[in-house]
Amino acid sequence: LSEGAKNTAVTALQRMMYYCYSEKSLSA
């Protein structure tokens, strides 16, 4: 995945970073 992608895989990555790596400013 890289910049420009728009799909559910990006949502999963964003959720992983939000919950597991304290990226609280990131929206899924």
All heavy atoms as atom14 arrays in JSON, in Angstrom:
{
  "sequence": "LSEGAKNTAVTALQRMMYYCYSEKSLSA",
  "atom14_mask": [
    [1, 1, 1, 1, 1, 1, 1, 1, 0, 0, 0, 0, 0, 0],
    [1, 1, 1, 1, 1, 1, 0, 0, 0, 0, 0, 0, 0, 0],
    [1, 1, 1, 1, 1, 1, 1, 1, 1, 0, 0, 0, 0, 0],
    [1, 1, 1, 1, 0, 0, 0, 0, 0, 0, 0, 0, 0, 0],
    [1, 1, 1, 1, 1, 0, 0, 0, 0, 0, 0, 0, 0, 0],
    [1, 1, 1, 1, 1, 1, 1, 1, 1, 0, 0, 0, 0, 0],
    [1, 1, 1, 1, 1, 1, 1, 1, 0, 0, 0, 0, 0, 0],
    [1, 1, 1, 1, 1, 1, 1, 0, 0, 0, 0, 0, 0, 0],
    [1, 1, 1, 1, 1, 0, 0, 0, 0, 0, 0, 0, 0, 0],
    [1, 1, 1, 1, 1, 1, 1, 0, 0, 0, 0, 0, 0, 0],
    [1, 1, 1, 1, 1, 1, 1, 0, 0, 0, 0, 0, 0, 0],
    [1, 1, 1, 1, 1, 0, 0, 0, 0, 0, 0, 0, 0, 0],
    [1, 1, 1, 1, 1, 1, 1, 1, 0, 0, 0, 0, 0, 0],
    [1, 1, 1, 1, 1, 1, 1, 1, 1, 0, 0, 0, 0, 0],
    [1, 1, 1, 1, 1, 1, 1, 1, 1, 1, 1, 0, 0, 0],
    [1, 1, 1, 1, 1, 1, 1, 1, 0, 0, 0, 0, 0, 0],
    [1, 1, 1, 1, 1, 1, 1, 1, 0, 0, 0, 0, 0, 0],
    [1, 1, 1, 1, 1, 1, 1, 1, 1, 1, 1, 1, 0, 0],
    [1, 1, 1, 1, 1, 1, 1, 1, 1, 1, 1, 1, 0, 0],
    [1, 1, 1, 1, 1, 1, 0, 0, 0, 0, 0, 0, 0, 0],
    [1, 1, 1, 1, 1, 1, 1, 1, 1, 1, 1, 1, 0, 0],
    [1, 1, 1, 1, 1, 1, 0, 0, 0, 0, 0, 0, 0, 0],
    [1, 1, 1, 1, 1, 1, 1, 1, 1, 0, 0, 0, 0, 0],
    [1, 1, 1, 1, 1, 1, 1, 1, 1, 0, 0, 0, 0, 0],
    [1, 1, 1, 1, 1, 1, 0, 0, 0, 0, 0, 0, 0, 0],
    [1, 1, 1, 1, 1, 1, 1, 1, 0, 0, 0, 0, 0, 0],
    [1, 1, 1, 1, 1, 1, 0, 0, 0, 0, 0, 0, 0, 0],
    [1, 1, 1, 1, 1, 0, 0, 0, 0, 0, 0, 0, 0, 0]
  ],
  "atom14_positions": [
    [[0.86, -1.19, 0.0], [0.0, 0.0, 0.0], [0.89, 1.23, 0.0], [1.91, 1.25, 0.69], [-0.86, 0.05, 1.26], [-2.09, -0.83, 1.34], [-2.65, -0.82, 2.76], [-3.13, -0.39, 0.35], [0.0, 0.0, 0.0], [0.0, 0.0, 0.0], [0.0, 0.0, 0.0], [0.0, 0.0, 0.0], [0.0, 0.0, 0.0], [0.0, 0.0, 0.0]],
    [[0.49, 2.24, -0.75], [1.25, 3.48, -0.73], [0.3, 4.65, -0.93], [-0.9, 4.46, -1.19], [2.34, 3.47, -1.81], [1.77, 3.27, -3.08], [0.0, 0.0, 0.0], [0.0, 0.0, 0.0], [0.0, 0.0, 0.0], [0.0, 0.0, 0.0], [0.0, 0.0, 0.0], [0.0, 0.0, 0.0], [0.0, 0.0, 0.0], [0.0, 0.0, 0.0]],
    [[0.85, 5.84, -0.8], [0.05, 7.05, -0.9], [-0.75, 7.05, -2.21], [-0.24, 6.69, -3.26], [0.96, 8.27, -0.84], [0.23, 9.55, -0.58], [1.17, 10.7, -0.23], [2.39, 10.58, -0.37], [0.64, 11.74, 0.2], [0.0, 0.0, 0.0], [0.0, 0.0, 0.0], [0.0, 0.0, 0.0], [0.0, 0.0, 0.0], [0.0, 0.0, 0.0]],
    [[-2.02, 7.41, -2.09], [-2.91, 7.43, -3.24], [-3.92, 6.29, -3.25], [-4.95, 6.38, -3.91], [0.0, 0.0, 0.0], [0.0, 0.0, 0.0], [0.0, 0.0, 0.0], [0.0, 0.0, 0.0], [0.0, 0.0, 0.0], [0.0, 0.0, 0.0], [0.0, 0.0, 0.0], [0.0, 0.0, 0.0], [0.0, 0.0, 0.0], [0.0, 0.0, 0.0]],
    [[-3.63, 5.21, -2.5], [-4.56, 4.08, -2.43], [-5.81, 4.48, -1.65], [-5.74, 5.24, -0.68], [-3.89, 2.88, -1.76], [0.0, 0.0, 0.0], [0.0, 0.0, 0.0], [0.0, 0.0, 0.0], [0.0, 0.0, 0.0], [0.0, 0.0, 0.0], [0.0, 0.0, 0.0], [0.0, 0.0, 0.0], [0.0, 0.0, 0.0], [0.0, 0.0, 0.0]],
    [[-6.95, 3.98, -2.1], [-8.23, 4.24, -1.42], [-9.03, 2.95, -1.45], [-9.61, 2.59, -2.47], [-9.01, 5.35, -2.13], [-8.35, 6.69, -2.09], [-9.16, 7.73, -2.81], [-8.41, 9.06, -2.77], [-9.15, 10.13, -3.39], [0.0, 0.0, 0.0], [0.0, 0.0, 0.0], [0.0, 0.0, 0.0], [0.0, 0.0, 0.0], [0.0, 0.0, 0.0]],
    [[-9.04, 2.23, -0.32], [-9.79, 0.98, -0.24], [-9.87, 0.5, 1.21], [-9.38, 1.16, 2.12], [-9.16, -0.09, -1.16], [-7.7, -0.37, -0.84], [-7.3, -0.44, 0.31], [-6.88, -0.51, -1.88], [0.0, 0.0, 0.0], [0.0, 0.0, 0.0], [0.0, 0.0, 0.0], [0.0, 0.0, 0.0], [0.0, 0.0, 0.0], [0.0, 0.0, 0.0]],
    [[-10.49, -0.66, 1.4], [-10.66, -1.19, 2.76], [-9.34, -1.66, 3.37], [-9.22, -1.71, 4.59], [-11.68, -2.34, 2.78], [-11.24, -3.38, 1.91], [-13.07, -1.87, 2.36], [0.0, 0.0, 0.0], [0.0, 0.0, 0.0], [0.0, 0.0, 0.0], [0.0, 0.0, 0.0], [0.0, 0.0, 0.0], [0.0, 0.0, 0.0], [0.0, 0.0, 0.0]],
    [[-8.36, -2.0, 2.54], [-7.05, -2.39, 3.07], [-6.41, -1.2, 3.79], [-5.77, -1.36, 4.83], [-6.15, -2.91, 1.96], [0.0, 0.0, 0.0], [0.0, 0.0, 0.0], [0.0, 0.0, 0.0], [0.0, 0.0, 0.0], [0.0, 0.0, 0.0], [0.0, 0.0, 0.0], [0.0, 0.0, 0.0], [0.0, 0.0, 0.0], [0.0, 0.0, 0.0]],
    [[-6.58, -0.01, 3.23], [-6.06, 1.2, 3.88], [-6.76, 1.41, 5.22], [-6.12, 1.72, 6.23], [-6.23, 2.44, 2.97], [-5.79, 3.71, 3.69], [-5.46, 2.27, 1.66], [0.0, 0.0, 0.0], [0.0, 0.0, 0.0], [0.0, 0.0, 0.0], [0.0, 0.0, 0.0], [0.0, 0.0, 0.0], [0.0, 0.0, 0.0], [0.0, 0.0, 0.0]],
    [[-8.08, 1.2, 5.24], [-8.83, 1.33, 6.49], [-8.27, 0.38, 7.55], [-8.08, 0.77, 8.72], [-10.32, 1.04, 6.27], [-10.81, 1.91, 5.25], [-11.13, 1.24, 7.54], [0.0, 0.0, 0.0], [0.0, 0.0, 0.0], [0.0, 0.0, 0.0], [0.0, 0.0, 0.0], [0.0, 0.0, 0.0], [0.0, 0.0, 0.0], [0.0, 0.0, 0.0]],
    [[-7.98, -0.86, 7.18], [-7.42, -1.84, 8.13], [-6.07, -1.36, 8.65], [-5.8, -1.43, 9.85], [-7.3, -3.2, 7.47], [0.0, 0.0, 0.0], [0.0, 0.0, 0.0], [0.0, 0.0, 0.0], [0.0, 0.0, 0.0], [0.0, 0.0, 0.0], [0.0, 0.0, 0.0], [0.0, 0.0, 0.0], [0.0, 0.0, 0.0], [0.0, 0.0, 0.0]],
    [[-5.22, -0.86, 7.77], [-3.91, -0.34, 8.18], [-4.08, 0.84, 9.13], [-3.4, 0.92, 10.16], [-3.09, 0.07, 6.95], [-1.74, 0.73, 7.23], [-0.81, -0.21, 7.99], [-1.12, 1.21, 5.93], [0.0, 0.0, 0.0], [0.0, 0.0, 0.0], [0.0, 0.0, 0.0], [0.0, 0.0, 0.0], [0.0, 0.0, 0.0], [0.0, 0.0, 0.0]],
    [[-4.97, 1.75, 8.79], [-5.2, 2.91, 9.65], [-5.71, 2.49, 11.03], [-5.26, 3.03, 12.05], [-6.21, 3.86, 8.98], [-5.65, 4.54, 7.75], [-6.7, 5.23, 6.91], [-7.85, 4.78, 6.85], [-6.33, 6.32, 6.24], [0.0, 0.0, 0.0], [0.0, 0.0, 0.0], [0.0, 0.0, 0.0], [0.0, 0.0, 0.0], [0.0, 0.0, 0.0]],
    [[-6.6, 1.52, 11.1], [-7.1, 1.03, 12.39], [-5.97, 0.39, 13.21], [-5.88, 0.58, 14.41], [-8.22, 0.0, 12.18], [-9.52, 0.63, 11.73], [-10.66, -0.38, 11.68], [-11.07, -0.7, 13.04], [-11.04, -1.93, 13.57], [-10.65, -2.96, 12.87], [-11.42, -2.13, 14.81], [0.0, 0.0, 0.0], [0.0, 0.0, 0.0], [0.0, 0.0, 0.0]],
    [[-5.1, -0.37, 12.51], [-3.97, -1.01, 13.19], [-3.07, 0.05, 13.83], [-2.66, -0.07, 14.99], [-3.18, -1.87, 12.2], [-3.94, -3.11, 11.75], [-3.39, -3.83, 10.18], [-1.69, -4.25, 10.5], [0.0, 0.0, 0.0], [0.0, 0.0, 0.0], [0.0, 0.0, 0.0], [0.0, 0.0, 0.0], [0.0, 0.0, 0.0], [0.0, 0.0, 0.0]],
    [[-2.78, 1.12, 13.08], [-1.91, 2.16, 13.61], [-2.6, 2.96, 14.71], [-1.95, 3.34, 15.7], [-1.43, 3.08, 12.48], [-0.49, 2.37, 11.51], [0.3, 3.48, 10.31], [-1.11, 4.06, 9.35], [0.0, 0.0, 0.0], [0.0, 0.0, 0.0], [0.0, 0.0, 0.0], [0.0, 0.0, 0.0], [0.0, 0.0, 0.0], [0.0, 0.0, 0.0]],
    [[-3.89, 3.22, 14.58], [-4.65, 3.96, 15.59], [-4.65, 3.22, 16.92], [-4.31, 3.79, 17.96], [-6.08, 4.19, 15.09], [-6.94, 4.97, 16.05], [-7.04, 6.35, 15.94], [-7.67, 4.33, 17.05], [-7.84, 7.08, 16.82], [-8.46, 5.05, 17.93], [-8.54, 6.42, 17.82], [-9.33, 7.14, 18.68], [0.0, 0.0, 0.0], [0.0, 0.0, 0.0]],
    [[-5.04, 1.96, 16.89], [-5.2, 1.19, 18.13], [-3.9, 0.62, 18.69], [-3.73, 0.56, 19.91], [-6.21, 0.06, 17.94], [-7.62, 0.56, 17.81], [-8.26, 0.55, 16.58], [-8.32, 1.09, 18.89], [-9.56, 1.02, 16.44], [-9.61, 1.57, 18.76], [-10.22, 1.53, 17.54], [-11.5, 2.01, 17.4], [0.0, 0.0, 0.0], [0.0, 0.0, 0.0]],
    [[-3.01, 0.19, 17.83], [-1.81, -0.51, 18.32], [-0.58, 0.37, 18.46], [0.36, 0.01, 19.16], [-1.49, -1.68, 17.4], [-2.85, -2.89, 17.29], [0.0, 0.0, 0.0], [0.0, 0.0, 0.0], [0.0, 0.0, 0.0], [0.0, 0.0, 0.0], [0.0, 0.0, 0.0], [0.0, 0.0, 0.0], [0.0, 0.0, 0.0], [0.0, 0.0, 0.0]],
    [[-0.58, 1.52, 17.77], [0.62, 2.37, 17.78], [0.32, 3.82, 18.16], [1.1, 4.72, 17.86], [1.34, 2.28, 16.43], [1.83, 0.87, 16.21], [1.09, -0.03, 15.46], [2.99, 0.41, 16.82], [1.5, -1.34, 15.28], [3.42, -0.9, 16.66], [2.66, -1.77, 15.9], [3.08, -3.06, 15.74], [0.0, 0.0, 0.0], [0.0, 0.0, 0.0]],
    [[-0.82, 4.06, 18.8], [-1.2, 5.36, 19.35], [-1.22, 6.49, 18.33], [-0.9, 7.63, 18.67], [-0.27, 5.73, 20.52], [-0.4, 4.78, 21.54], [0.0, 0.0, 0.0], [0.0, 0.0, 0.0], [0.0, 0.0, 0.0], [0.0, 0.0, 0.0], [0.0, 0.0, 0.0], [0.0, 0.0, 0.0], [0.0, 0.0, 0.0], [0.0, 0.0, 0.0]],
    [[-1.6, 6.19, 17.12], [-1.75, 7.22, 16.09], [-3.17, 7.77, 16.19], [-4.0, 7.6, 15.3], [-1.43, 6.67, 14.7], [0.02, 6.33, 14.5], [0.95, 7.54, 14.52], [0.48, 8.68, 14.28], [2.14, 7.36, 14.79], [0.0, 0.0, 0.0], [0.0, 0.0, 0.0], [0.0, 0.0, 0.0], [0.0, 0.0, 0.0], [0.0, 0.0, 0.0]],
    [[-3.46, 8.44, 17.31], [-4.82, 8.87, 17.64], [-5.35, 10.0, 16.76], [-6.55, 10.23, 16.72], [-4.91, 9.27, 19.12], [-4.55, 8.14, 20.07], [-5.41, 6.9, 19.87], [-5.06, 5.83, 20.87], [-5.63, 4.54, 20.57], [0.0, 0.0, 0.0], [0.0, 0.0, 0.0], [0.0, 0.0, 0.0], [0.0, 0.0, 0.0], [0.0, 0.0, 0.0]],
    [[-4.5, 10.7, 16.04], [-4.99, 11.76, 15.15], [-5.39, 11.2, 13.78], [-5.93, 11.92, 12.95], [-3.92, 12.84, 14.97], [-2.78, 12.3, 14.31], [0.0, 0.0, 0.0], [0.0, 0.0, 0.0], [0.0, 0.0, 0.0], [0.0, 0.0, 0.0], [0.0, 0.0, 0.0], [0.0, 0.0, 0.0], [0.0, 0.0, 0.0], [0.0, 0.0, 0.0]],
    [[-5.15, 9.93, 13.57], [-5.43, 9.28, 12.29], [-6.87, 8.79, 12.23], [-7.34, 8.12, 13.15], [-4.47, 8.1, 12.11], [-4.38, 7.44, 10.75], [-3.91, 8.43, 9.69], [-3.4, 6.28, 10.82], [0.0, 0.0, 0.0], [0.0, 0.0, 0.0], [0.0, 0.0, 0.0], [0.0, 0.0, 0.0], [0.0, 0.0, 0.0], [0.0, 0.0, 0.0]],
    [[-7.58, 9.12, 11.17], [-8.94, 8.62, 11.02], [-8.92, 7.44, 10.04], [-8.13, 7.42, 9.1], [-9.89, 9.71, 10.51], [-9.51, 10.12, 9.22], [0.0, 0.0, 0.0], [0.0, 0.0, 0.0], [0.0, 0.0, 0.0], [0.0, 0.0, 0.0], [0.0, 0.0, 0.0], [0.0, 0.0, 0.0], [0.0, 0.0, 0.0], [0.0, 0.0, 0.0]],
    [[-9.78, 6.48, 10.29], [-9.87, 5.29, 9.44], [-10.85, 5.58, 8.31], [-11.97, 5.11, 8.3], [-10.29, 4.08, 10.25], [0.0, 0.0, 0.0], [0.0, 0.0, 0.0], [0.0, 0.0, 0.0], [0.0, 0.0, 0.0], [0.0, 0.0, 0.0], [0.0, 0.0, 0.0], [0.0, 0.0, 0.0], [0.0, 0.0, 0.0], [0.0, 0.0, 0.0]]
  ]
}
